[in-house]
Amino acid sequence: MDPQAGVVQLFAHDLRLLREKAGSPPYRALARRAHYAPATLARAAGGRELPSLAVTLAYVRACEGDEEQWEAVGTRSPRL
């Protein structure tokens, strides 16, 4: 994933970094915490489209990230 390729790719890159910082849990484990399907969470970090705010915050919460920080920037990912 090239974070310099555009906003969507940067956002996905930062979601992936957040997951790595959480110990790289499998998407099934994240899904149980986030209450979204594993495929939905994988798409959120896939870099093809921006996920909804609800999916983003669930992903962040499942990775024990700072929801307020991610919500405050809206569709821009916070630099980790």
C-alpha atoms as a PDB file:
ATOM      1  CA  MET A   1       0.000   0.000   0.000  1.00  0.00           C
ATOM      2  CA  ASP A   2       1.505   3.283  -1.119  1.00  0.00           C
ATOM      3  CA  PRO A   3       0.347   6.035   1.271  1.00  0.00           C
ATOM      4  CA  GLN A   4       1.525   8.614  -1.253  1.00  0.00           C
ATOM      5  CA  ALA A   5      -0.881   7.340  -3.930  1.00  0.00           C
ATOM      6  CA  GLY A   6      -3.795   9.394  -2.618  1.00  0.00           C
ATOM      7  CA  VAL A   7      -6.080  10.160   0.287  1.00  0.00           C
ATOM      8  CA  VAL A   8      -7.847   6.798   0.237  1.00  0.00           C
ATOM      9  CA  GLN A   9      -4.572   4.891   0.230  1.00  0.00           C
ATOM     10  CA  LEU A  10      -3.167   7.061   3.034  1.00  0.00           C
ATOM     11  CA  PHE A  11      -6.287   6.440   5.105  1.00  0.00           C
ATOM     12  CA  ALA A  12      -6.046   2.675   4.553  1.00  0.00           C
ATOM     13  CA  HIS A  13      -2.330   2.751   5.339  1.00  0.00           C
ATOM     14  CA  ASP A  14      -3.014   4.473   8.652  1.00  0.00           C
ATOM     15  CA  LEU A  15      -5.744   1.967   9.531  1.00  0.00           C
ATOM     16  CA  ARG A  16      -3.256  -0.819   8.829  1.00  0.00           C
ATOM     17  CA  LEU A  17      -0.658   0.865  11.048  1.00  0.00           C
ATOM     18  CA  LEU A  18      -3.224   1.089  13.826  1.00  0.00           C
ATOM     19  CA  ARG A  19      -3.946  -2.639  13.480  1.00  0.00           C
ATOM     20  CA  GLU A  20      -0.217  -3.399  13.592  1.00  0.00           C
ATOM     21  CA  LYS A  21       0.145  -1.340  16.788  1.00  0.00           C
ATOM     22  CA  ALA A  22      -2.695  -3.425  18.252  1.00  0.00           C
ATOM     23  CA  GLY A  23      -0.648  -6.581  17.638  1.00  0.00           C
ATOM     24  CA  SER A  24      -2.041  -7.416  14.173  1.00  0.00           C
ATOM     25  CA  PRO A  25      -5.154  -9.243  15.380  1.00  0.00           C
ATOM     26  CA  PRO A  26      -6.937 -11.323  12.727  1.00  0.00           C
ATOM     27  CA  TYR A  27      -9.941  -9.662  11.119  1.00  0.00           C
ATOM     28  CA  ARG A  28     -12.213 -12.248  12.749  1.00  0.00           C
ATOM     29  CA  ALA A  29     -11.042 -11.088  16.185  1.00  0.00           C
ATOM     30  CA  LEU A  30     -11.510  -7.455  15.175  1.00  0.00           C
ATOM     31  CA  ALA A  31     -14.977  -8.298  13.868  1.00  0.00           C
ATOM     32  CA  ARG A  32     -16.044  -9.681  17.237  1.00  0.00           C
ATOM     33  CA  ARG A  33     -14.919  -6.459  18.927  1.00  0.00           C
ATOM     34  CA  ALA A  34     -16.205  -4.108  16.233  1.00  0.00           C
ATOM     35  CA  HIS A  35     -19.537  -5.865  15.534  1.00  0.00           C
ATOM     36  CA  TYR A  36     -18.888  -5.713  11.791  1.00  0.00           C
ATOM     37  CA  ALA A  37     -18.115  -8.534   9.402  1.00  0.00           C
ATOM     38  CA  PRO A  38     -14.440  -9.353   8.876  1.00  0.00           C
ATOM     39  CA  ALA A  39     -14.828  -8.535   5.165  1.00  0.00           C
ATOM     40  CA  THR A  40     -16.179  -5.077   6.005  1.00  0.00           C
ATOM     41  CA  LEU A  41     -13.177  -4.334   8.193  1.00  0.00           C
ATOM     42  CA  ALA A  42     -10.753  -5.710   5.603  1.00  0.00           C
ATOM     43  CA  ARG A  43     -12.360  -3.475   2.953  1.00  0.00           C
ATOM     44  CA  ALA A  44     -11.976  -0.487   5.275  1.00  0.00           C
ATOM     45  CA  ALA A  45      -8.209  -0.978   5.189  1.00  0.00           C
ATOM     46  CA  GLY A  46      -8.140  -2.100   1.566  1.00  0.00           C
ATOM     47  CA  GLY A  47      -7.376   1.258   0.017  1.00  0.00           C
ATOM     48  CA  ARG A  48     -10.029   1.214  -2.695  1.00  0.00           C
ATOM     49  CA  GLU A  49     -12.656   3.426  -1.032  1.00  0.00           C
ATOM     50  CA  LEU A  50     -13.080   5.375   2.164  1.00  0.00           C
ATOM     51  CA  PRO A  51     -15.055   3.465   4.780  1.00  0.00           C
ATOM     52  CA  SER A  52     -17.996   5.089   6.509  1.00  0.00           C
ATOM     53  CA  LEU A  53     -17.345   6.938   9.728  1.00  0.00           C
ATOM     54  CA  ALA A  54     -19.232   4.230  11.648  1.00  0.00           C
ATOM     55  CA  VAL A  55     -17.024   1.453  10.233  1.00  0.00           C
ATOM     56  CA  THR A  56     -13.891   3.532  10.769  1.00  0.00           C
ATOM     57  CA  LEU A  57     -14.718   4.184  14.413  1.00  0.00           C
ATOM     58  CA  ALA A  58     -15.605   0.534  15.015  1.00  0.00           C
ATOM     59  CA  TYR A  59     -12.263  -0.501  13.469  1.00  0.00           C
ATOM     60  CA  VAL A  60     -10.417   2.050  15.615  1.00  0.00           C
ATOM     61  CA  ARG A  61     -12.282   0.963  18.748  1.00  0.00           C
ATOM     62  CA  ALA A  62     -11.500  -2.692  18.034  1.00  0.00           C
ATOM     63  CA  CYS A  63      -7.805  -1.765  17.777  1.00  0.00           C
ATOM     64  CA  GLU A  64      -8.051   0.268  20.997  1.00  0.00           C
ATOM     65  CA  GLY A  65      -7.205   3.440  19.085  1.00  0.00           C
ATOM     66  CA  ASP A  66      -8.248   6.989  19.865  1.00  0.00           C
ATOM     67  CA  GLU A  67     -11.777   7.284  18.460  1.00  0.00           C
ATOM     68  CA  GLU A  68     -12.002  10.990  19.214  1.00  0.00           C
ATOM     69  CA  GLN A  69      -8.852  11.674  17.227  1.00  0.00           C
ATOM     70  CA  TRP A  70     -10.113   9.713  14.211  1.00  0.00           C
ATOM     71  CA  GLU A  71     -13.582  11.260  14.417  1.00  0.00           C
ATOM     72  CA  ALA A  72     -12.161  14.765  14.700  1.00  0.00           C
ATOM     73  CA  VAL A  73     -10.365  14.438  11.387  1.00  0.00           C
ATOM     74  CA  GLY A  74     -13.401  12.963   9.626  1.00  0.00           C
ATOM     75  CA  THR A  75     -12.277  11.391   6.379  1.00  0.00           C
ATOM     76  CA  ARG A  76      -8.620  12.243   6.974  1.00  0.00           C
ATOM     77  CA  SER A  77      -6.634   9.733   8.966  1.00  0.00           C
ATOM     78  CA  PRO A  78      -4.656  11.021  11.909  1.00  0.00           C
ATOM     79  CA  ARG A  79      -0.926  10.645  11.557  1.00  0.00           C
ATOM     80  CA  LEU A  80       0.061   7.957  14.014  1.00  0.00           C
END
